Amino acid sequence: MEDKNNIRRLLRDNIASLAPYSTARDDCRVQMDIYLDANENPYPNGVNRYPSPHQTRLKEMLSVLKKIPSENIFLGNGSDEAIDLVFRLFCPPGRSSMVQAVPTYGMYSVAAAINDVRVIDAPLRENFSLDADSLLSKVEHDTKVIFLCSPNNPSGNLLDRDGIIRILDNFDGITVVDEAYIDFTEEESMVSLIGRYPRLIVLQTLSKAWGMAGLRIGLAISDKFTVEVMSRVKYPYNISLLNQAKAEELMRDPLSAYEKAEEIKSERERLATGLAVIDSVVKVYPSDANFLLVQFKDKDMAFDRLMQAGIIVRDRSSAYMCAGCLRITVGTPEENDRVLAVLSDKCASSGCAGSDADSSDGKASDAAMAGRQAGAAERCASCFRRTGETAVSVRVNLDKFRKPRIATGLAFLNHMLEQIGWHGGITLDVICFGDLATDDHHSVEDVAIVLGDCLKEALGNKAGIGRYGFSLPMDEAEATVLLDLGGRIDFLWDVTLHEPKIGDVSAQMFRHFFKSLSEHLCCNLHIKAAGDNDHHIMEGVFKAFARALRMAVRQEHGASPVPSSKGAL
């Protein structure tokens, strides 16, 4: 019986037998002193050499962030290159069809037409949700690929995960899930299913949340074999040297991109609220992306009014089920204020346009102010440290919890750091790019250093904090953590571990981690733990530390400004 997950059988015959273009540098991947193999100009000017066709360093960074091996990542000249490659790999011209859930991103149809592949449209439900059974009924004998956009463009909504899985379980061709806007949702990416479904290809991009549209870098994340074939078929130097270098530079401190994505999500809700109260708006569709699909009573009038004010949006009224709709990208707060002001009846009656779009008294319209509230002061800090071995970014908020964002390239360390966020009840983001090819020492140590610095900065003058505390059982293990944030530094470690490694982290590094953390947080930290299972022991230590931290940083109302009889810490 033929294995339906055997991707090789899905390839076009000419692709399966293709001998790819190769360079001398493909055969010799070590650093040379002199390069005389590629007929380049030998005089240095920064761009006289061809770029790496393998994009190794950029893939290593993305591997950390996406928590998937580099061998599962293909980088293309925008996602459009990956879309085109899907057709070139799996769809014999003139003898294939593809199914797409509509309305959807128009490039799928364009790439299909270029590759002489017949397009079959499978309508989404009236509310733009996915009807998996209806879509599967559209599959024909020559259907090689299904394209799903989630969050969808132009509707903005995520497609049902269970529905996508149903398609994966019942279609024996290639399923492409385009997640260009996944960074604007809190939902899990379909990337987590790559190991389970070799015929799944997930598209992502650095253009949207990462703010690199001008660099044109798209990702295809899939089974190792699929990525290898895509790499053989692509043009050798598809991403320029300058684009690779700039992308690496911008990704060194990814928390700034995360912060901007969070602001866009907040502005998306504010913009939706403001648009919903404008008389000319019929409906604002829910969105998990960085844009809103908005239906107007007269979309031409709304479009013209925005154009006259110097604002361009996308008319999607010709797309299936999108009659009367404009797609409005979420801009900066000031740009969103202008959109709301221009579209509001108050602005329309006063004939405002361009930079004068505010009402005559100098205040934004009521619609423009909808949803905007001043936030209370919170104890936050962001720290970045770069050395020859690592680049570490940490962000904490001691007064607000959000699901931790942890990516260090070490799966077990990720798991442990997540415990600090979950059990500490704090916002914790930790990103580390380290020299893991050497070992884990620098990554573990530098994460501890920056985490300690960041917690110390967030605590500020420590006025009103609990200062102390915590014991915690963990299955058969038990862990005791005593913490004093008073400013003295003392470290005690009484932990018995049985194996040289826990997961992918050297066991000896955990003592070093907490010692470095105590030194940079400037605290007394005493840790004692024992048990039969090293994983449970160390998880107990991290959870106990998180609970101790939660008690110690809690601000006690009515307590003395500084928790010390000396009046100072």
Protein backbone atom coordinates (compact mmCIF):
# COMPACT_ATOMS: atom_id res chain seq x y z
CA MET A 1 0.00 0.00 0.00
CA GLU A 2 1.38 3.38 -1.02
CA ASP A 3 2.09 5.77 1.84
CA LYS A 4 -0.02 8.89 1.30
CA ASN A 5 2.58 10.91 3.24
CA ASN A 6 5.32 10.02 0.76
CA ILE A 7 5.91 13.46 -0.69
CA ARG A 8 8.26 12.18 -3.39
CA ARG A 9 5.31 10.60 -5.23
CA LEU A 10 3.60 14.03 -5.39
CA LEU A 11 6.47 15.74 -7.20
CA ARG A 12 6.35 16.46 -10.91
CA ASP A 13 8.50 13.90 -12.73
CA ASN A 14 10.90 16.53 -14.09
CA ILE A 15 11.38 18.02 -10.62
CA ALA A 16 12.05 14.64 -9.03
CA SER A 17 14.85 14.01 -11.56
CA LEU A 18 16.18 17.59 -11.59
CA ALA A 19 19.92 18.08 -11.21
CA PRO A 20 20.11 21.45 -9.45
CA TYR A 21 22.54 24.24 -10.27
CA SER A 22 25.46 24.03 -7.88
CA THR A 23 28.36 26.27 -6.99
CA ALA A 24 31.84 25.51 -5.75
CA ARG A 25 30.78 26.95 -2.40
CA ASP A 26 28.04 24.33 -2.14
CA ASP A 27 30.73 21.66 -2.25
CA CYS A 28 33.14 23.48 0.07
CA ARG A 29 31.30 25.09 2.99
CA VAL A 30 34.35 26.24 4.97
CA GLN A 31 35.80 29.74 4.95
CA MET A 32 38.39 30.30 2.21
CA ASP A 33 41.13 32.92 2.01
CA ILE A 34 40.71 33.65 -1.68
CA TYR A 35 37.56 33.25 -3.79
CA LEU A 36 38.21 32.74 -7.50
CA ASP A 37 35.30 30.43 -8.27
CA ALA A 38 32.36 32.68 -9.23
CA ASN A 39 33.81 35.30 -11.59
CA GLU A 40 33.08 38.09 -9.11
CA ASN A 41 34.83 41.45 -9.03
CA PRO A 42 37.68 40.90 -6.53
CA TYR A 43 37.79 44.52 -5.25
CA PRO A 44 35.80 44.86 -1.99
CA ASN A 45 32.96 47.37 -1.82
CA GLY A 46 30.63 45.49 0.53
CA VAL A 47 28.54 43.88 -2.20
CA ASN A 48 31.08 42.51 -4.67
CA ARG A 49 30.50 38.91 -3.53
CA TYR A 50 27.41 36.78 -4.13
CA PRO A 51 25.20 36.26 -1.06
CA SER A 52 24.91 32.97 0.75
CA PRO A 53 22.46 30.78 -1.19
CA HIS A 54 21.72 28.91 2.04
CA GLN A 55 20.95 31.94 4.26
CA THR A 56 22.38 29.90 7.15
CA ARG A 57 22.58 32.55 9.87
CA LEU A 58 19.13 33.97 9.13
CA LYS A 59 17.62 30.48 9.23
CA GLU A 60 19.35 29.79 12.56
CA MET A 61 17.76 32.91 14.06
CA LEU A 62 14.34 31.99 12.68
CA SER A 63 14.81 28.46 13.99
CA VAL A 64 15.13 29.86 17.52
CA LEU A 65 12.06 32.08 17.15
CA LYS A 66 9.87 29.52 15.40
CA LYS A 67 11.13 26.63 17.56
CA ILE A 68 11.67 24.40 14.57
CA PRO A 69 14.91 23.06 13.04
CA SER A 70 16.59 25.15 10.34
CA GLU A 71 16.25 22.22 7.95
CA ASN A 72 12.48 22.78 7.95
CA ILE A 73 12.75 26.42 6.83
CA PHE A 74 12.89 27.68 3.24
CA LEU A 75 13.51 31.37 2.63
CA GLY A 76 12.18 32.98 -0.51
CA ASN A 77 12.07 36.34 -2.23
CA GLY A 78 8.80 37.14 -0.49
CA SER A 79 6.11 34.52 0.10
CA ASP A 80 5.26 34.89 -3.59
CA GLU A 81 8.36 32.89 -4.53
CA ALA A 82 7.29 30.04 -2.24
CA ILE A 83 3.75 30.13 -3.68
CA ASP A 84 5.15 29.88 -7.22
CA LEU A 85 7.47 27.05 -6.19
CA VAL A 86 4.55 25.02 -4.83
CA PHE A 87 3.01 25.02 -8.30
CA ARG A 88 6.32 24.28 -9.99
CA LEU A 89 7.04 21.34 -7.69
CA PHE A 90 3.68 19.64 -7.54
CA CYS A 91 1.47 20.76 -10.46
CA PRO A 92 2.15 19.52 -14.01
CA PRO A 93 1.12 22.45 -16.30
CA GLY A 94 -2.18 21.93 -18.12
CA ARG A 95 -2.93 18.75 -16.16
CA SER A 96 -3.52 20.01 -12.61
CA SER A 97 -5.97 21.98 -10.52
CA MET A 98 -5.79 23.69 -7.16
CA VAL A 99 -8.54 24.49 -4.67
CA GLN A 100 -8.62 27.76 -2.73
CA ALA A 101 -11.02 28.94 -0.03
CA VAL A 102 -12.51 32.24 -1.26
CA PRO A 103 -12.39 35.13 -0.79
CA THR A 104 -8.64 34.94 -0.42
CA TYR A 105 -5.24 36.39 -1.36
CA GLY A 106 -5.16 37.02 -5.10
CA MET A 107 -1.60 35.82 -5.68
CA TYR A 108 -2.63 32.16 -5.50
CA SER A 109 -4.74 32.54 -8.64
CA VAL A 110 -2.09 34.62 -10.40
CA ALA A 111 0.63 32.05 -9.71
CA ALA A 112 -1.72 29.26 -10.79
CA ALA A 113 -2.41 31.03 -14.10
CA ILE A 114 1.31 31.56 -14.73
CA ASN A 115 1.88 27.84 -14.18
CA ASP A 116 -1.15 26.79 -16.25
CA VAL A 117 -2.99 25.30 -13.25
CA ARG A 118 -6.79 25.35 -13.15
CA VAL A 119 -8.30 27.22 -10.17
CA ILE A 120 -11.27 25.82 -8.24
CA ASP A 121 -12.96 28.19 -5.79
CA ALA A 122 -14.44 26.81 -2.57
CA PRO A 123 -16.54 29.50 -0.85
CA LEU A 124 -16.18 30.16 2.85
CA ARG A 125 -19.38 30.39 4.86
CA GLU A 126 -21.28 33.68 5.01
CA ASN A 127 -19.35 34.68 8.15
CA PHE A 128 -16.06 33.77 6.37
CA SER A 129 -15.57 30.61 8.46
CA LEU A 130 -14.14 27.46 6.91
CA ASP A 131 -16.47 24.67 5.78
CA ALA A 132 -13.99 21.81 5.51
CA ASP A 133 -16.43 19.26 4.10
CA SER A 134 -17.68 21.66 1.45
CA LEU A 135 -14.11 22.48 0.42
CA LEU A 136 -13.15 18.79 0.25
CA SER A 137 -16.14 18.17 -2.02
CA LYS A 138 -14.56 20.56 -4.55
CA VAL A 139 -11.41 18.42 -4.87
CA GLU A 140 -11.14 16.75 -8.29
CA HIS A 141 -9.01 13.91 -9.61
CA ASP A 142 -6.30 16.32 -10.78
CA THR A 143 -6.25 18.55 -7.67
CA LYS A 144 -2.69 18.70 -6.39
CA VAL A 145 -2.78 21.60 -3.92
CA ILE A 146 -5.20 23.31 -1.52
CA PHE A 147 -4.50 26.91 -0.45
CA LEU A 148 -5.87 28.24 2.85
CA CYS A 149 -5.11 31.73 4.16
CA SER A 150 -5.33 32.01 7.96
CA PRO A 151 -5.78 34.71 9.18
CA ASN A 152 -7.57 35.20 5.91
CA ASN A 153 -7.04 38.06 3.50
CA PRO A 154 -9.29 40.04 2.95
CA SER A 155 -11.69 38.97 5.72
CA GLY A 156 -9.09 39.04 8.51
CA ASN A 157 -10.34 36.02 10.48
CA LEU A 158 -8.52 32.87 11.51
CA LEU A 159 -9.77 29.70 9.86
CA ASP A 160 -10.92 26.91 12.17
CA ARG A 161 -7.93 24.79 13.22
CA ASP A 162 -10.02 21.61 13.47
CA GLY A 163 -11.33 22.26 9.97
CA ILE A 164 -7.80 22.59 8.61
CA ILE A 165 -6.83 19.34 10.33
CA ARG A 166 -9.87 17.64 8.77
CA ILE A 167 -8.60 18.74 5.35
CA LEU A 168 -5.11 17.46 6.14
CA ASP A 169 -6.56 14.11 7.19
CA ASN A 170 -8.71 13.71 4.08
CA PHE A 171 -6.70 15.24 1.22
CA ASP A 172 -3.66 13.31 -0.01
CA GLY A 173 -2.09 16.22 -1.88
CA ILE A 174 -0.28 19.31 -0.62
CA THR A 175 -2.08 21.66 1.79
CA VAL A 176 -0.65 25.18 2.04
CA VAL A 177 -1.64 27.33 5.02
CA ASP A 178 -0.62 30.95 4.53
CA GLU A 179 0.01 32.55 7.93
CA ALA A 180 1.27 35.96 6.79
CA TYR A 181 -0.71 37.59 9.62
CA ILE A 182 -0.26 34.96 12.36
CA ASP A 183 1.80 37.35 14.52
CA PHE A 184 -1.30 39.48 15.13
CA THR A 185 -3.18 36.67 16.89
CA GLU A 186 -2.70 34.79 20.13
CA GLU A 187 -3.53 31.45 18.50
CA GLU A 188 -0.95 28.74 17.89
CA SER A 189 0.61 28.48 14.45
CA MET A 190 0.01 25.42 12.30
CA VAL A 191 3.81 25.01 12.31
CA SER A 192 3.36 22.78 15.36
CA LEU A 193 1.74 20.19 13.06
CA ILE A 194 4.62 19.92 10.56
CA GLY A 195 5.98 16.71 12.10
CA ARG A 196 2.55 15.11 12.07
CA TYR A 197 1.63 16.15 8.50
CA PRO A 198 4.56 15.99 6.04
CA ARG A 199 2.26 17.23 3.24
CA LEU A 200 1.62 20.52 5.09
CA ILE A 201 3.42 23.70 4.00
CA VAL A 202 3.04 26.77 6.24
CA LEU A 203 3.86 30.16 4.72
CA GLN A 204 4.93 33.06 6.91
CA THR A 205 6.65 36.37 6.23
CA LEU A 206 8.90 39.04 7.69
CA SER A 207 6.92 41.72 5.82
CA LYS A 208 4.03 42.32 8.22
CA ALA A 209 4.63 42.17 11.98
CA TRP A 210 8.39 42.27 11.52
CA GLY A 211 8.22 45.43 9.41
CA MET A 212 10.52 44.19 6.64
CA ALA A 213 8.25 44.46 3.58
CA GLY A 214 11.02 46.26 1.71
CA LEU A 215 13.40 43.31 2.19
CA ARG A 216 11.05 40.76 0.54
CA ILE A 217 11.73 37.72 2.74
CA GLY A 218 9.11 35.00 2.99
CA LEU A 219 9.20 31.65 4.77
CA ALA A 220 7.95 28.23 3.81
CA ILE A 221 8.03 25.86 6.77
CA SER A 222 7.55 22.20 5.97
CA ASP A 223 8.92 18.67 5.96
CA LYS A 224 12.69 18.48 5.47
CA PHE A 225 12.33 16.77 2.09
CA THR A 226 9.99 19.46 0.75
CA VAL A 227 12.35 22.21 1.90
CA GLU A 228 15.30 20.45 0.25
CA VAL A 229 13.45 20.23 -3.07
CA MET A 230 12.34 23.86 -2.91
CA SER A 231 15.96 24.83 -2.27
CA ARG A 232 17.10 22.82 -5.33
CA VAL A 233 14.54 24.45 -7.60
CA LYS A 234 14.88 28.08 -6.46
CA TYR A 235 17.31 30.42 -8.18
CA PRO A 236 20.65 30.13 -6.35
CA TYR A 237 21.01 33.65 -4.97
CA ASN A 238 17.35 34.53 -4.41
CA ILE A 239 17.88 36.82 -1.39
CA SER A 240 20.47 39.56 -1.70
CA LEU A 241 23.41 40.01 0.64
CA LEU A 242 22.10 43.39 1.83
CA ASN A 243 18.62 42.01 2.51
CA GLN A 244 19.99 39.07 4.50
CA ALA A 245 22.26 41.34 6.54
CA LYS A 246 19.50 43.87 7.27
CA ALA A 247 17.07 41.14 8.29
CA GLU A 248 19.63 39.67 10.69
CA GLU A 249 20.23 43.13 12.16
CA LEU A 250 16.53 43.84 12.69
CA MET A 251 15.92 40.43 14.23
CA ARG A 252 18.69 40.74 16.82
CA ASP A 253 16.26 42.48 19.19
CA PRO A 254 12.90 40.96 18.28
CA LEU A 255 11.05 42.39 21.28
CA SER A 256 10.73 45.74 19.52
CA ALA A 257 8.83 43.96 16.72
CA TYR A 258 6.64 42.21 19.29
CA GLU A 259 5.90 45.54 20.98
CA LYS A 260 4.83 47.12 17.71
CA ALA A 261 2.62 44.12 16.91
CA GLU A 262 0.97 44.51 20.32
CA GLU A 263 0.34 48.19 19.62
CA ILE A 264 -1.12 47.33 16.21
CA LYS A 265 -3.49 44.82 17.86
CA SER A 266 -4.55 47.44 20.39
CA GLU A 267 -5.06 50.01 17.63
CA ARG A 268 -6.99 47.46 15.59
CA GLU A 269 -9.58 47.19 18.36
CA ARG A 270 -9.71 50.95 18.83
CA LEU A 271 -10.08 51.54 15.10
CA ALA A 272 -12.83 48.90 14.86
CA THR A 273 -14.69 50.52 17.76
CA GLY A 274 -14.39 53.95 16.18
CA LEU A 275 -15.52 52.78 12.75
CA ALA A 276 -18.52 50.92 14.16
CA VAL A 277 -20.16 54.14 15.42
CA ILE A 278 -19.85 55.98 12.08
CA ASP A 279 -23.22 56.24 10.30
CA SER A 280 -21.86 55.35 6.88
CA VAL A 281 -20.43 52.05 8.14
CA VAL A 282 -22.63 48.97 7.79
CA LYS A 283 -20.31 46.42 9.39
CA VAL A 284 -16.78 46.03 10.71
CA TYR A 285 -15.75 42.39 10.41
CA PRO A 286 -13.81 40.80 13.30
CA SER A 287 -10.10 40.60 12.53
CA ASP A 288 -7.09 38.58 13.66
CA ALA A 289 -4.83 40.42 11.21
CA ASN A 290 -3.37 43.93 10.93
CA PHE A 291 -6.30 45.20 8.87
CA LEU A 292 -10.09 45.51 9.00
CA LEU A 293 -12.63 44.61 6.35
CA VAL A 294 -15.30 47.30 6.52
CA GLN A 295 -18.61 47.38 4.68
CA PHE A 296 -20.00 50.83 3.83
CA LYS A 297 -23.40 52.08 2.73
CA ASP A 298 -21.58 53.78 -0.15
CA LYS A 299 -18.05 52.42 -0.43
CA ASP A 300 -17.22 54.65 -3.43
CA MET A 301 -18.03 57.77 -1.43
CA ALA A 302 -15.95 56.52 1.51
CA PHE A 303 -13.06 55.58 -0.77
CA ASP A 304 -13.13 58.97 -2.53
CA ARG A 305 -13.34 60.85 0.75
CA LEU A 306 -10.25 59.07 2.02
CA MET A 307 -8.42 59.61 -1.28
CA GLN A 308 -9.14 63.33 -1.20
CA ALA A 309 -7.67 63.41 2.31
CA GLY A 310 -4.49 61.72 1.07
CA ILE A 311 -5.31 58.28 2.48
CA ILE A 312 -5.21 55.17 0.31
CA VAL A 313 -7.05 51.98 1.31
CA ARG A 314 -7.86 48.81 -0.68
CA ASP A 315 -11.19 48.43 -2.47
CA ARG A 316 -12.13 44.73 -2.07
CA SER A 317 -15.75 45.09 -3.18
CA SER A 318 -15.19 42.84 -6.22
CA ALA A 319 -14.02 39.90 -4.09
CA TYR A 320 -16.45 37.09 -3.33
CA MET A 321 -18.87 38.08 -0.49
CA CYS A 322 -17.15 41.45 -0.07
CA ALA A 323 -19.65 43.76 -1.81
CA GLY A 324 -19.38 47.31 -0.51
CA CYS A 325 -16.19 46.55 1.41
CA LEU A 326 -12.93 48.42 1.83
CA ARG A 327 -9.89 46.86 3.50
CA ILE A 328 -8.25 49.32 5.88
CA THR A 329 -4.78 48.56 7.22
CA VAL A 330 -4.22 49.49 10.86
CA GLY A 331 -1.82 52.44 10.93
CA THR A 332 -0.19 54.45 13.69
CA PRO A 333 -2.49 56.00 16.30
CA GLU A 334 -2.27 59.34 14.48
CA GLU A 335 -3.04 57.76 11.11
CA ASN A 336 -6.01 55.89 12.57
CA ASP A 337 -7.31 59.11 14.10
CA ARG A 338 -7.23 60.72 10.66
CA VAL A 339 -9.10 57.82 9.05
CA LEU A 340 -11.82 58.02 11.68
CA ALA A 341 -12.03 61.78 11.45
CA VAL A 342 -12.27 61.77 7.64
CA LEU A 343 -15.00 59.12 7.63
CA SER A 344 -17.06 60.57 10.47
CA ASP A 345 -20.14 62.58 9.53
CA LYS A 346 -18.85 65.49 11.58
CA CYS A 347 -15.71 65.66 9.46
CA ALA A 348 -17.65 65.17 6.24
CA SER A 349 -19.93 68.10 7.00
CA SER A 350 -17.00 70.40 7.71
CA GLY A 351 -15.15 69.39 4.54
CA CYS A 352 -11.88 68.55 6.33
CA ALA A 353 -9.07 66.82 4.46
CA GLY A 354 -5.40 65.95 4.70
CA SER A 355 -3.56 67.00 7.83
CA ASP A 356 -6.46 69.30 8.80
CA ALA A 357 -8.78 66.34 9.30
CA ASP A 358 -9.38 67.11 12.98
CA SER A 359 -12.45 69.08 14.00
CA SER A 360 -12.25 72.86 14.09
CA ASP A 361 -11.65 73.05 17.86
CA GLY A 362 -8.42 71.09 17.41
CA LYS A 363 -9.72 67.92 19.04
CA ALA A 364 -10.21 64.60 17.29
CA SER A 365 -13.78 63.54 16.61
CA ASP A 366 -15.65 61.39 19.09
CA ALA A 367 -15.12 58.43 16.78
CA ALA A 368 -11.38 59.02 16.69
CA MET A 369 -11.20 58.99 20.47
CA ALA A 370 -13.27 55.83 20.90
CA GLY A 371 -11.52 53.21 22.99
CA ARG A 372 -8.51 55.35 23.92
CA GLN A 373 -7.73 55.38 27.63
CA ALA A 374 -4.70 56.32 29.61
CA GLY A 375 -2.98 53.33 31.22
CA ALA A 376 -1.88 53.20 34.82
CA ALA A 377 1.84 53.20 35.60
CA GLU A 378 3.24 49.68 35.68
CA ARG A 379 6.60 48.31 36.74
CA CYS A 380 8.12 47.40 33.38
CA ALA A 381 11.60 47.08 31.95
CA SER A 382 13.25 46.01 28.71
CA CYS A 383 16.92 45.03 28.56
CA PHE A 384 19.19 44.03 25.69
CA ARG A 385 22.71 42.62 25.91
CA ARG A 386 24.93 41.68 23.00
CA THR A 387 28.29 39.95 23.27
CA GLY A 388 30.49 38.05 20.86
CA GLU A 389 28.57 34.90 21.75
CA THR A 390 24.96 35.98 22.32
CA ALA A 391 22.28 38.57 21.76
CA VAL A 392 19.70 38.52 24.56
CA SER A 393 16.47 40.52 24.84
CA VAL A 394 14.31 40.42 27.98
CA ARG A 395 11.12 42.29 28.80
CA VAL A 396 9.18 42.08 32.07
CA ASN A 397 6.03 43.62 33.48
CA LEU A 398 5.60 42.86 37.17
CA ASP A 399 2.01 44.12 37.26
CA LYS A 400 0.40 42.39 34.28
CA PHE A 401 0.30 38.78 33.15
CA ARG A 402 0.49 37.70 29.54
CA LYS A 403 1.44 34.33 28.09
CA PRO A 404 5.27 34.13 28.14
CA ARG A 405 7.21 34.50 24.90
CA ILE A 406 10.38 32.47 25.31
CA ALA A 407 12.85 31.48 22.58
CA THR A 408 16.43 30.58 23.47
CA GLY A 409 17.21 27.73 21.09
CA LEU A 410 17.21 25.36 24.09
CA ALA A 411 13.87 23.58 24.47
CA PHE A 412 14.28 22.69 28.15
CA LEU A 413 15.44 26.17 29.10
CA ASN A 414 12.41 27.57 27.23
CA HIS A 415 10.17 25.28 29.29
CA MET A 416 11.77 26.37 32.57
CA LEU A 417 11.66 30.10 31.80
CA GLU A 418 7.99 29.79 30.89
CA GLN A 419 7.38 28.63 34.49
CA ILE A 420 8.68 31.98 35.77
CA GLY A 421 6.09 33.82 33.69
CA TRP A 422 3.16 31.47 34.40
CA HIS A 423 3.78 30.93 38.11
CA GLY A 424 5.20 34.37 38.79
CA GLY A 425 2.07 35.96 37.32
CA ILE A 426 4.18 38.41 35.31
CA THR A 427 4.74 39.28 31.69
CA LEU A 428 8.03 37.71 30.65
CA ASP A 429 9.61 37.76 27.19
CA VAL A 430 13.07 36.23 26.69
CA ILE A 431 14.77 35.90 23.30
CA CYS A 432 18.34 34.63 22.99
CA PHE A 433 20.44 34.02 19.90
CA GLY A 434 23.52 32.15 21.09
CA ASP A 435 26.49 30.11 19.95
CA LEU A 436 24.80 26.78 20.61
CA ALA A 437 27.01 25.07 18.04
CA THR A 438 29.77 25.48 20.64
CA ASP A 439 27.73 24.62 23.75
CA ASP A 440 24.94 26.00 25.94
CA HIS A 441 27.13 27.86 28.46
CA HIS A 442 26.94 31.40 27.10
CA SER A 443 23.23 31.23 26.28
CA VAL A 444 22.24 30.02 29.76
CA GLU A 445 24.55 32.43 31.57
CA ASP A 446 23.67 35.50 29.52
CA VAL A 447 19.93 34.87 29.79
CA ALA A 448 20.32 34.80 33.58
CA ILE A 449 22.35 38.02 33.57
CA VAL A 450 19.88 39.96 31.46
CA LEU A 451 16.87 38.53 33.32
CA GLY A 452 18.40 39.63 36.63
CA ASP A 453 19.16 43.11 35.29
CA CYS A 454 15.65 43.45 33.87
CA LEU A 455 13.89 42.35 37.06
CA LYS A 456 16.04 44.74 39.09
CA GLU A 457 15.23 47.64 36.75
CA ALA A 458 11.50 46.86 36.86
CA LEU A 459 11.51 46.82 40.66
CA GLY A 460 12.77 50.39 40.78
CA ASN A 461 12.99 51.70 44.36
CA LYS A 462 11.10 48.62 45.67
CA ALA A 463 8.66 50.75 47.64
CA GLY A 464 5.90 48.69 49.26
CA ILE A 465 7.05 45.30 47.96
CA GLY A 466 6.60 42.10 49.97
CA ARG A 467 10.37 41.53 49.73
CA TYR A 468 10.37 37.92 50.89
CA GLY A 469 9.24 34.38 50.38
CA PHE A 470 8.35 29.76 49.05
CA SER A 471 8.30 26.02 49.11
CA LEU A 472 6.86 23.81 46.39
CA PRO A 473 6.39 20.05 45.86
CA MET A 474 6.80 18.72 42.28
CA ASP A 475 5.55 15.14 41.95
CA GLU A 476 8.13 13.02 43.84
CA ALA A 477 10.53 16.00 44.05
CA GLU A 478 10.47 18.92 46.44
CA ALA A 479 12.02 22.35 46.07
CA THR A 480 12.51 25.18 48.52
CA VAL A 481 13.40 28.67 47.37
CA LEU A 482 14.07 31.48 49.84
CA LEU A 483 14.27 34.93 48.30
CA ASP A 484 15.09 38.35 49.75
CA LEU A 485 15.03 41.35 47.42
CA GLY A 486 16.56 43.64 50.04
CA GLY A 487 19.74 44.24 48.05
CA ARG A 488 22.24 41.93 49.73
CA ILE A 489 23.73 39.24 47.52
CA ASP A 490 24.09 35.74 48.89
CA PHE A 491 23.61 32.49 46.99
CA LEU A 492 23.12 28.99 48.32
CA TRP A 493 22.59 25.94 46.07
CA ASP A 494 21.76 22.56 47.56
CA VAL A 495 20.31 20.64 44.63
CA THR A 496 21.03 17.00 43.81
CA LEU A 497 20.87 16.09 40.11
CA HIS A 498 21.56 12.63 38.73
CA GLU A 499 22.34 13.06 35.02
CA PRO A 500 24.79 15.30 33.09
CA LYS A 501 22.00 16.82 31.00
CA ILE A 502 18.34 17.64 31.48
CA GLY A 503 16.73 17.73 28.06
CA ASP A 504 19.14 19.73 25.88
CA VAL A 505 20.74 21.72 28.73
CA SER A 506 23.83 20.81 30.74
CA ALA A 507 22.73 20.08 34.32
CA GLN A 508 25.67 22.01 35.79
CA MET A 509 24.44 25.19 34.08
CA PHE A 510 21.38 25.53 36.31
CA ARG A 511 23.47 26.36 39.39
CA HIS A 512 25.32 28.86 37.23
CA PHE A 513 22.01 30.28 35.96
CA PHE A 514 20.61 31.04 39.41
CA LYS A 515 23.95 32.31 40.74
CA SER A 516 24.20 34.80 37.86
CA LEU A 517 20.55 35.73 38.34
CA SER A 518 21.02 36.44 42.06
CA GLU A 519 24.10 38.58 41.39
CA HIS A 520 22.36 40.74 38.81
CA LEU A 521 19.01 40.93 40.61
CA CYS A 522 20.98 41.82 43.77
CA CYS A 523 19.17 39.41 46.05
CA ASN A 524 19.66 36.67 48.60
CA LEU A 525 18.68 33.43 46.88
CA HIS A 526 18.78 30.08 48.68
CA ILE A 527 17.67 27.01 46.73
CA LYS A 528 17.31 23.47 48.01
CA ALA A 529 15.79 20.61 46.04
CA ALA A 530 15.88 16.83 45.76
CA GLY A 531 13.98 13.99 44.12
CA ASP A 532 14.25 11.06 41.76
CA ASN A 533 13.62 12.75 38.40
CA ASP A 534 15.89 15.58 37.26
CA HIS A 535 13.19 17.14 35.10
CA HIS A 536 10.81 17.30 38.07
CA ILE A 537 13.53 18.59 40.38
CA MET A 538 14.47 21.46 38.10
CA GLU A 539 10.87 22.26 37.21
CA GLY A 540 10.14 22.42 40.93
CA VAL A 541 13.06 24.85 41.41
CA PHE A 542 11.86 27.18 38.64
CA LYS A 543 8.25 27.09 39.81
CA ALA A 544 9.27 27.69 43.41
CA PHE A 545 11.46 30.60 42.32
CA ALA A 546 8.54 32.01 40.33
CA ARG A 547 6.21 31.75 43.34
CA ALA A 548 8.82 33.31 45.62
CA LEU A 549 9.29 36.12 43.13
CA ARG A 550 5.51 36.60 42.93
CA MET A 551 5.30 37.04 46.69
CA ALA A 552 8.37 39.24 46.92
CA VAL A 553 7.47 41.73 44.18
CA ARG A 554 3.84 42.11 45.24
CA GLN A 555 3.17 45.65 46.39
CA GLU A 556 1.43 45.62 49.76
CA HIS A 557 -1.05 48.43 50.14
CA GLY A 558 -0.76 50.24 53.46
CA ALA A 559 2.75 48.92 54.07
CA SER A 560 5.69 51.22 54.74
CA PRO A 561 7.12 52.77 51.56
CA VAL A 562 10.31 50.71 51.91
CA PRO A 563 10.04 47.22 53.50
CA SER A 564 12.93 47.70 55.92
CA SER A 565 13.21 48.90 59.52
CA LYS A 566 16.22 50.92 58.38
CA GLY A 567 14.06 52.88 55.96
CA ALA A 568 16.29 51.94 53.03
CA LEU A 569 17.18 48.89 50.97
